[in-house]
């Protein structure tokens, strides 16, 4: 029994140092990551977890309607089954970045698996765009001890504002007000165009899109400008 306790405690400590502590340090001190764009008077709209055959199409239609360019962090396995949407993103001037091949936390990946997730996702994107991928955002913003080294060829982009829009309740009750308040220059806003990930409501993007349209309409009237990650003059 004592051996079991010792082994369990050792594994917990190793997990802590491999995953949670690196995440806390990197995100607290901003080591190797971008959480806000310095020197920019525009806002970056970013979307995670897609592409989704229903909601991503609606989102692209909405962005086109308001002439807004955004950035998408895509799941590689979904790129394979929705390549037409990724090609459309690229053709319409949006930025496309990596969000792993499966939506799996870096906390659960040994280094060789993480390296593989990055590689195969980039290849899937390149098949659609014929361009090198420059940006990466790990699912849930989770890092492990090797993330910064293994992703050194990419700009890691996090966010300055996150809205809990993977839940229908948040979309209905708080999302629009929080979007309206996220007006700081250089802000990076995180939304989700797919509700198929762990903990999300599958229909949440439908409600997100409703609030986003109101926000984009108001933003156009106020003269708020948006940028893609490719348009950033510097990564800070």
C-alpha atoms as a PDB file:
ATOM      1  CA  UNK A   1       0.000   0.000   0.000  1.00  0.00           C
ATOM      2  CA  UNK A   2       2.804   2.407   0.857  1.00  0.00           C
ATOM      3  CA  UNK A   3       4.494   1.713  -2.484  1.00  0.00           C
ATOM      4  CA  UNK A   4       1.254   2.530  -4.307  1.00  0.00           C
ATOM      5  CA  UNK A   5       0.985   5.844  -2.456  1.00  0.00           C
ATOM      6  CA  UNK A   6       4.612   6.705  -3.253  1.00  0.00           C
ATOM      7  CA  UNK A   7       4.164   5.866  -6.933  1.00  0.00           C
ATOM      8  CA  UNK A   8       0.928   7.860  -7.118  1.00  0.00           C
ATOM      9  CA  UNK A   9       2.517  10.892  -5.468  1.00  0.00           C
ATOM     10  CA  UNK A  10       5.530  10.672  -7.779  1.00  0.00           C
ATOM     11  CA  UNK A  11       3.309  10.543 -10.868  1.00  0.00           C
ATOM     12  CA  UNK A  12       1.300  13.529  -9.642  1.00  0.00           C
ATOM     13  CA  UNK A  13       4.462  15.563  -9.097  1.00  0.00           C
ATOM     14  CA  UNK A  14       5.805  14.615 -12.525  1.00  0.00           C
ATOM     15  CA  UNK A  15       2.516  15.574 -14.163  1.00  0.00           C
ATOM     16  CA  UNK A  16       2.537  18.870 -12.297  1.00  0.00           C
ATOM     17  CA  UNK A  17       6.012  19.770 -13.534  1.00  0.00           C
ATOM     18  CA  UNK A  18       5.335  18.501 -17.064  1.00  0.00           C
ATOM     19  CA  UNK A  19       2.046  20.287 -17.636  1.00  0.00           C
ATOM     20  CA  UNK A  20       0.434  22.616 -15.132  1.00  0.00           C
ATOM     21  CA  UNK A  21       3.513  24.493 -13.916  1.00  0.00           C
ATOM     22  CA  UNK A  22       4.807  25.244 -17.464  1.00  0.00           C
ATOM     23  CA  UNK A  23       1.327  26.466 -18.438  1.00  0.00           C
ATOM     24  CA  UNK A  24       1.061  28.778 -15.438  1.00  0.00           C
ATOM     25  CA  UNK A  25       4.564  30.195 -15.942  1.00  0.00           C
ATOM     26  CA  UNK A  26       4.244  30.702 -19.710  1.00  0.00           C
ATOM     27  CA  UNK A  27       0.842  32.361 -19.509  1.00  0.00           C
ATOM     28  CA  UNK A  28       1.637  34.468 -16.441  1.00  0.00           C
ATOM     29  CA  UNK A  29       4.881  35.888 -17.801  1.00  0.00           C
ATOM     30  CA  UNK A  30       3.957  35.712 -21.495  1.00  0.00           C
ATOM     31  CA  UNK A  31       7.081  33.752 -22.409  1.00  0.00           C
ATOM     32  CA  UNK A  32       7.141  33.011 -26.134  1.00  0.00           C
ATOM     33  CA  UNK A  33       3.489  33.850 -26.673  1.00  0.00           C
ATOM     34  CA  UNK A  34       1.336  36.733 -27.900  1.00  0.00           C
ATOM     35  CA  UNK A  35      -1.686  37.678 -25.821  1.00  0.00           C
ATOM     36  CA  UNK A  36      -2.194  41.182 -27.178  1.00  0.00           C
ATOM     37  CA  UNK A  37      -0.804  43.109 -30.135  1.00  0.00           C
ATOM     38  CA  UNK A  38       1.214  46.133 -29.073  1.00  0.00           C
ATOM     39  CA  UNK A  39       1.140  49.216 -31.245  1.00  0.00           C
ATOM     40  CA  UNK A  40      -2.026  48.231 -33.134  1.00  0.00           C
ATOM     41  CA  UNK A  41      -5.256  50.215 -33.047  1.00  0.00           C
ATOM     42  CA  UNK A  42      -7.259  47.343 -34.470  1.00  0.00           C
ATOM     43  CA  UNK A  43      -8.820  44.208 -32.968  1.00  0.00           C
ATOM     44  CA  UNK A  44      -8.115  40.605 -33.970  1.00  0.00           C
ATOM     45  CA  UNK A  45     -11.075  38.242 -34.182  1.00  0.00           C
ATOM     46  CA  UNK A  46      -9.974  34.612 -33.790  1.00  0.00           C
ATOM     47  CA  UNK A  47     -11.974  31.390 -33.925  1.00  0.00           C
ATOM     48  CA  UNK A  48     -11.052  27.969 -32.541  1.00  0.00           C
ATOM     49  CA  UNK A  49     -12.119  24.328 -32.956  1.00  0.00           C
ATOM     50  CA  UNK A  50     -13.434  24.309 -36.554  1.00  0.00           C
ATOM     51  CA  UNK A  51     -13.994  23.964 -39.325  1.00  0.00           C
ATOM     52  CA  UNK A  52     -17.576  22.857 -38.857  1.00  0.00           C
ATOM     53  CA  UNK A  53     -19.607  22.184 -42.018  1.00  0.00           C
ATOM     54  CA  UNK A  54     -22.623  24.112 -40.731  1.00  0.00           C
ATOM     55  CA  UNK A  55     -21.371  26.904 -38.492  1.00  0.00           C
ATOM     56  CA  UNK A  56     -18.083  27.765 -40.177  1.00  0.00           C
ATOM     57  CA  UNK A  57     -19.894  28.309 -43.471  1.00  0.00           C
ATOM     58  CA  UNK A  58     -22.352  30.642 -41.749  1.00  0.00           C
ATOM     59  CA  UNK A  59     -19.469  32.437 -40.049  1.00  0.00           C
ATOM     60  CA  UNK A  60     -17.619  32.957 -43.325  1.00  0.00           C
ATOM     61  CA  UNK A  61     -20.807  34.326 -44.884  1.00  0.00           C
ATOM     62  CA  UNK A  62     -21.192  36.717 -41.947  1.00  0.00           C
ATOM     63  CA  UNK A  63     -17.595  37.933 -42.102  1.00  0.00           C
ATOM     64  CA  UNK A  64     -17.934  38.472 -45.849  1.00  0.00           C
ATOM     65  CA  UNK A  65     -21.143  40.435 -45.342  1.00  0.00           C
ATOM     66  CA  UNK A  66     -19.387  42.890 -43.018  1.00  0.00           C
ATOM     67  CA  UNK A  67     -16.061  42.769 -44.901  1.00  0.00           C
ATOM     68  CA  UNK A  68     -14.175  41.558 -41.828  1.00  0.00           C
ATOM     69  CA  UNK A  69     -11.072  39.391 -41.966  1.00  0.00           C
ATOM     70  CA  UNK A  70     -10.418  36.991 -39.093  1.00  0.00           C
ATOM     71  CA  UNK A  71      -8.077  34.197 -38.021  1.00  0.00           C
ATOM     72  CA  UNK A  72      -8.969  30.529 -37.590  1.00  0.00           C
ATOM     73  CA  UNK A  73      -7.139  27.973 -35.463  1.00  0.00           C
ATOM     74  CA  UNK A  74      -8.282  24.741 -37.041  1.00  0.00           C
ATOM     75  CA  UNK A  75      -8.331  21.103 -35.955  1.00  0.00           C
ATOM     76  CA  UNK A  76      -6.391  19.073 -38.499  1.00  0.00           C
ATOM     77  CA  UNK A  77      -8.769  16.112 -38.627  1.00  0.00           C
ATOM     78  CA  UNK A  78     -11.621  18.499 -39.430  1.00  0.00           C
ATOM     79  CA  UNK A  79      -9.543  20.160 -42.138  1.00  0.00           C
ATOM     80  CA  UNK A  80      -9.330  16.788 -43.861  1.00  0.00           C
ATOM     81  CA  UNK A  81     -13.119  16.424 -43.962  1.00  0.00           C
ATOM     82  CA  UNK A  82     -13.896  20.110 -44.660  1.00  0.00           C
ATOM     83  CA  UNK A  83     -11.106  21.148 -47.010  1.00  0.00           C
ATOM     84  CA  UNK A  84     -13.478  23.284 -49.084  1.00  0.00           C
ATOM     85  CA  UNK A  85     -14.095  25.535 -46.087  1.00  0.00           C
ATOM     86  CA  UNK A  86     -10.388  25.909 -45.381  1.00  0.00           C
ATOM     87  CA  UNK A  87      -9.753  26.783 -49.021  1.00  0.00           C
ATOM     88  CA  UNK A  88     -12.495  29.378 -48.795  1.00  0.00           C
ATOM     89  CA  UNK A  89     -10.944  30.864 -45.625  1.00  0.00           C
ATOM     90  CA  UNK A  90      -7.672  31.248 -47.470  1.00  0.00           C
ATOM     91  CA  UNK A  91      -9.230  32.641 -50.645  1.00  0.00           C
ATOM     92  CA  UNK A  92     -11.192  35.246 -48.682  1.00  0.00           C
ATOM     93  CA  UNK A  93      -8.111  36.532 -46.876  1.00  0.00           C
ATOM     94  CA  UNK A  94      -8.412  34.961 -43.451  1.00  0.00           C
ATOM     95  CA  UNK A  95      -5.421  33.639 -41.516  1.00  0.00           C
ATOM     96  CA  UNK A  96      -5.279  29.914 -40.708  1.00  0.00           C
ATOM     97  CA  UNK A  97      -3.327  28.476 -37.791  1.00  0.00           C
ATOM     98  CA  UNK A  98      -2.798  25.149 -36.016  1.00  0.00           C
ATOM     99  CA  UNK A  99      -5.004  23.865 -33.183  1.00  0.00           C
ATOM    100  CA  UNK A 100      -3.703  20.237 -33.106  1.00  0.00           C
ATOM    101  CA  UNK A 101      -4.865  17.381 -35.327  1.00  0.00           C
ATOM    102  CA  UNK A 102      -7.246  16.204 -32.614  1.00  0.00           C
ATOM    103  CA  UNK A 103      -8.582  18.558 -29.979  1.00  0.00           C
ATOM    104  CA  UNK A 104      -6.364  17.110 -27.244  1.00  0.00           C
ATOM    105  CA  UNK A 105      -4.645  18.949 -24.419  1.00  0.00           C
ATOM    106  CA  UNK A 106      -0.855  19.217 -24.550  1.00  0.00           C
ATOM    107  CA  UNK A 107      -0.933  18.088 -20.919  1.00  0.00           C
ATOM    108  CA  UNK A 108      -1.777  14.592 -22.140  1.00  0.00           C
ATOM    109  CA  UNK A 109       0.820  14.388 -24.918  1.00  0.00           C
ATOM    110  CA  UNK A 110       4.389  13.152 -24.755  1.00  0.00           C
ATOM    111  CA  UNK A 111       6.760  15.255 -26.889  1.00  0.00           C
ATOM    112  CA  UNK A 112       6.774  12.968 -29.938  1.00  0.00           C
ATOM    113  CA  UNK A 113       2.953  12.991 -30.080  1.00  0.00           C
ATOM    114  CA  UNK A 114       2.821  16.780 -29.815  1.00  0.00           C
ATOM    115  CA  UNK A 115       5.387  17.115 -32.588  1.00  0.00           C
ATOM    116  CA  UNK A 116       3.279  14.801 -34.757  1.00  0.00           C
ATOM    117  CA  UNK A 117       0.074  16.768 -34.020  1.00  0.00           C
ATOM    118  CA  UNK A 118       1.722  19.969 -35.192  1.00  0.00           C
ATOM    119  CA  UNK A 119       3.255  18.428 -38.287  1.00  0.00           C
ATOM    120  CA  UNK A 120       0.186  16.625 -39.633  1.00  0.00           C
ATOM    121  CA  UNK A 121      -2.057  19.625 -39.000  1.00  0.00           C
ATOM    122  CA  UNK A 122       0.309  21.923 -40.870  1.00  0.00           C
ATOM    123  CA  UNK A 123       0.420  19.490 -43.772  1.00  0.00           C
ATOM    124  CA  UNK A 124      -3.374  19.335 -43.896  1.00  0.00           C
ATOM    125  CA  UNK A 125      -3.573  23.133 -43.991  1.00  0.00           C
ATOM    126  CA  UNK A 126      -0.826  23.441 -46.617  1.00  0.00           C
ATOM    127  CA  UNK A 127      -2.692  21.023 -48.886  1.00  0.00           C
ATOM    128  CA  UNK A 128      -5.509  23.593 -48.940  1.00  0.00           C
ATOM    129  CA  UNK A 129      -3.495  26.818 -49.066  1.00  0.00           C
ATOM    130  CA  UNK A 130      -0.080  25.937 -50.528  1.00  0.00           C
ATOM    131  CA  UNK A 131       1.411  28.237 -47.906  1.00  0.00           C
ATOM    132  CA  UNK A 132       3.518  27.747 -44.796  1.00  0.00           C
ATOM    133  CA  UNK A 133       1.601  27.918 -41.524  1.00  0.00           C
ATOM    134  CA  UNK A 134       2.867  30.628 -39.184  1.00  0.00           C
ATOM    135  CA  UNK A 135       0.552  30.503 -36.162  1.00  0.00           C
ATOM    136  CA  UNK A 136      -0.321  28.018 -33.422  1.00  0.00           C
ATOM    137  CA  UNK A 137      -2.700  28.008 -30.475  1.00  0.00           C
ATOM    138  CA  UNK A 138      -2.764  24.948 -28.209  1.00  0.00           C
ATOM    139  CA  UNK A 139      -6.241  23.676 -27.230  1.00  0.00           C
ATOM    140  CA  UNK A 140      -7.460  25.163 -23.932  1.00  0.00           C
ATOM    141  CA  UNK A 141      -4.250  27.198 -23.852  1.00  0.00           C
ATOM    142  CA  UNK A 142      -2.446  24.236 -22.308  1.00  0.00           C
ATOM    143  CA  UNK A 143       1.332  23.945 -22.550  1.00  0.00           C
ATOM    144  CA  UNK A 144       3.730  21.243 -21.501  1.00  0.00           C
ATOM    145  CA  UNK A 145       7.427  21.262 -20.723  1.00  0.00           C
ATOM    146  CA  UNK A 146       8.376  20.895 -24.403  1.00  0.00           C
ATOM    147  CA  UNK A 147       5.731  23.039 -26.133  1.00  0.00           C
ATOM    148  CA  UNK A 148       7.814  26.153 -26.687  1.00  0.00           C
ATOM    149  CA  UNK A 149      10.687  24.136 -28.139  1.00  0.00           C
ATOM    150  CA  UNK A 150       8.555  21.937 -30.381  1.00  0.00           C
ATOM    151  CA  UNK A 151       6.529  24.889 -31.696  1.00  0.00           C
ATOM    152  CA  UNK A 152       9.500  27.232 -32.185  1.00  0.00           C
ATOM    153  CA  UNK A 153       8.719  27.556 -35.910  1.00  0.00           C
ATOM    154  CA  UNK A 154       5.346  29.158 -35.166  1.00  0.00           C
ATOM    155  CA  UNK A 155       4.067  32.281 -33.465  1.00  0.00           C
ATOM    156  CA  UNK A 156       2.025  31.093 -30.481  1.00  0.00           C
ATOM    157  CA  UNK A 157      -1.043  33.312 -30.222  1.00  0.00           C
ATOM    158  CA  UNK A 158      -3.261  33.208 -27.162  1.00  0.00           C
ATOM    159  CA  UNK A 159      -5.935  35.821 -26.407  1.00  0.00           C
ATOM    160  CA  UNK A 160      -6.707  38.920 -24.400  1.00  0.00           C
ATOM    161  CA  UNK A 161     -10.445  38.181 -24.129  1.00  0.00           C
ATOM    162  CA  UNK A 162     -12.281  34.865 -23.874  1.00  0.00           C
ATOM    163  CA  UNK A 163     -16.057  34.746 -23.526  1.00  0.00           C
ATOM    164  CA  UNK A 164     -17.184  31.228 -22.643  1.00  0.00           C
ATOM    165  CA  UNK A 165     -19.125  31.132 -25.909  1.00  0.00           C
ATOM    166  CA  UNK A 166     -18.947  27.332 -25.998  1.00  0.00           C
ATOM    167  CA  UNK A 167     -21.986  27.421 -23.664  1.00  0.00           C
ATOM    168  CA  UNK A 168     -25.419  28.464 -24.966  1.00  0.00           C
ATOM    169  CA  UNK A 169     -26.235  30.234 -21.702  1.00  0.00           C
ATOM    170  CA  UNK A 170     -23.185  32.495 -21.957  1.00  0.00           C
ATOM    171  CA  UNK A 171     -23.969  33.325 -25.586  1.00  0.00           C
ATOM    172  CA  UNK A 172     -27.493  34.325 -24.682  1.00  0.00           C
ATOM    173  CA  UNK A 173     -26.772  36.220 -21.477  1.00  0.00           C
ATOM    174  CA  UNK A 174     -23.289  37.755 -21.511  1.00  0.00           C
ATOM    175  CA  UNK A 175     -21.504  37.422 -24.860  1.00  0.00           C
ATOM    176  CA  UNK A 176     -22.722  40.576 -26.589  1.00  0.00           C
ATOM    177  CA  UNK A 177     -22.066  42.831 -23.598  1.00  0.00           C
ATOM    178  CA  UNK A 178     -18.574  41.369 -23.173  1.00  0.00           C
ATOM    179  CA  UNK A 179     -17.797  41.840 -26.863  1.00  0.00           C
ATOM    180  CA  UNK A 180     -18.902  45.466 -26.623  1.00  0.00           C
ATOM    181  CA  UNK A 181     -16.504  46.016 -23.717  1.00  0.00           C
ATOM    182  CA  UNK A 182     -13.530  44.406 -25.485  1.00  0.00           C
ATOM    183  CA  UNK A 183     -12.448  47.590 -27.235  1.00  0.00           C
ATOM    184  CA  UNK A 184      -8.800  47.926 -26.142  1.00  0.00           C
ATOM    185  CA  UNK A 185      -6.451  48.486 -29.049  1.00  0.00           C
ATOM    186  CA  UNK A 186      -4.566  45.361 -30.039  1.00  0.00           C
ATOM    187  CA  UNK A 187      -7.031  43.015 -28.346  1.00  0.00           C
ATOM    188  CA  UNK A 188      -7.206  39.392 -29.486  1.00  0.00           C
ATOM    189  CA  UNK A 189     -10.732  38.025 -29.098  1.00  0.00           C
ATOM    190  CA  UNK A 190     -11.372  34.279 -28.899  1.00  0.00           C
ATOM    191  CA  UNK A 191     -14.625  32.740 -30.125  1.00  0.00           C
ATOM    192  CA  UNK A 192     -15.549  29.217 -31.286  1.00  0.00           C
ATOM    193  CA  UNK A 193     -17.132  28.106 -34.568  1.00  0.00           C
ATOM    194  CA  UNK A 194     -17.633  24.493 -33.487  1.00  0.00           C
ATOM    195  CA  UNK A 195     -19.377  23.026 -30.440  1.00  0.00           C
ATOM    196  CA  UNK A 196     -18.165  19.461 -30.730  1.00  0.00           C
ATOM    197  CA  UNK A 197     -15.343  19.637 -28.182  1.00  0.00           C
ATOM    198  CA  UNK A 198     -15.368  18.372 -24.607  1.00  0.00           C
ATOM    199  CA  UNK A 199     -17.469  20.579 -22.340  1.00  0.00           C
ATOM    200  CA  UNK A 200     -19.098  22.544 -25.169  1.00  0.00           C
ATOM    201  CA  UNK A 201     -22.747  22.760 -26.137  1.00  0.00           C
ATOM    202  CA  UNK A 202     -23.044  21.482 -29.682  1.00  0.00           C
ATOM    203  CA  UNK A 203     -25.473  24.203 -30.737  1.00  0.00           C
ATOM    204  CA  UNK A 204     -23.575  27.050 -29.013  1.00  0.00           C
ATOM    205  CA  UNK A 205     -22.055  28.444 -32.261  1.00  0.00           C
ATOM    206  CA  UNK A 206     -25.554  29.155 -33.552  1.00  0.00           C
ATOM    207  CA  UNK A 207     -26.123  31.559 -30.669  1.00  0.00           C
ATOM    208  CA  UNK A 208     -22.595  32.931 -30.904  1.00  0.00           C
ATOM    209  CA  UNK A 209     -23.227  33.867 -34.534  1.00  0.00           C
ATOM    210  CA  UNK A 210     -26.411  35.722 -33.631  1.00  0.00           C
ATOM    211  CA  UNK A 211     -24.576  37.898 -31.111  1.00  0.00           C
ATOM    212  CA  UNK A 212     -21.544  38.297 -33.360  1.00  0.00           C
ATOM    213  CA  UNK A 213     -23.675  39.750 -36.146  1.00  0.00           C
ATOM    214  CA  UNK A 214     -25.021  42.415 -33.794  1.00  0.00           C
ATOM    215  CA  UNK A 215     -21.484  43.161 -32.654  1.00  0.00           C
ATOM    216  CA  UNK A 216     -20.122  43.412 -36.193  1.00  0.00           C
ATOM    217  CA  UNK A 217     -22.976  45.685 -37.255  1.00  0.00           C
ATOM    218  CA  UNK A 218     -22.350  47.994 -34.302  1.00  0.00           C
ATOM    219  CA  UNK A 219     -18.596  47.877 -34.864  1.00  0.00           C
ATOM    220  CA  UNK A 220     -19.003  48.964 -38.469  1.00  0.00           C
ATOM    221  CA  UNK A 221     -21.098  51.929 -37.380  1.00  0.00           C
ATOM    222  CA  UNK A 222     -18.464  52.883 -34.773  1.00  0.00           C
ATOM    223  CA  UNK A 223     -15.601  52.545 -37.251  1.00  0.00           C
ATOM    224  CA  UNK A 224     -13.878  49.723 -35.357  1.00  0.00           C
ATOM    225  CA  UNK A 225     -11.306  47.985 -37.553  1.00  0.00           C
ATOM    226  CA  UNK A 226     -10.298  44.334 -37.448  1.00  0.00           C
ATOM    227  CA  UNK A 227      -7.086  42.595 -38.445  1.00  0.00           C
ATOM    228  CA  UNK A 228      -5.893  39.107 -39.178  1.00  0.00           C
ATOM    229  CA  UNK A 229      -2.806  37.695 -37.549  1.00  0.00           C
ATOM    230  CA  UNK A 230      -1.038  37.892 -40.909  1.00  0.00           C
ATOM    231  CA  UNK A 231      -1.698  41.627 -40.900  1.00  0.00           C
ATOM    232  CA  UNK A 232       0.038  42.194 -37.591  1.00  0.00           C
ATOM    233  CA  UNK A 233       3.060  44.381 -38.109  1.00  0.00           C
ATOM    234  CA  UNK A 234       4.783  42.741 -35.180  1.00  0.00           C
ATOM    235  CA  UNK A 235       4.254  39.835 -32.834  1.00  0.00           C
ATOM    236  CA  UNK A 236       4.843  40.807 -29.243  1.00  0.00           C
END
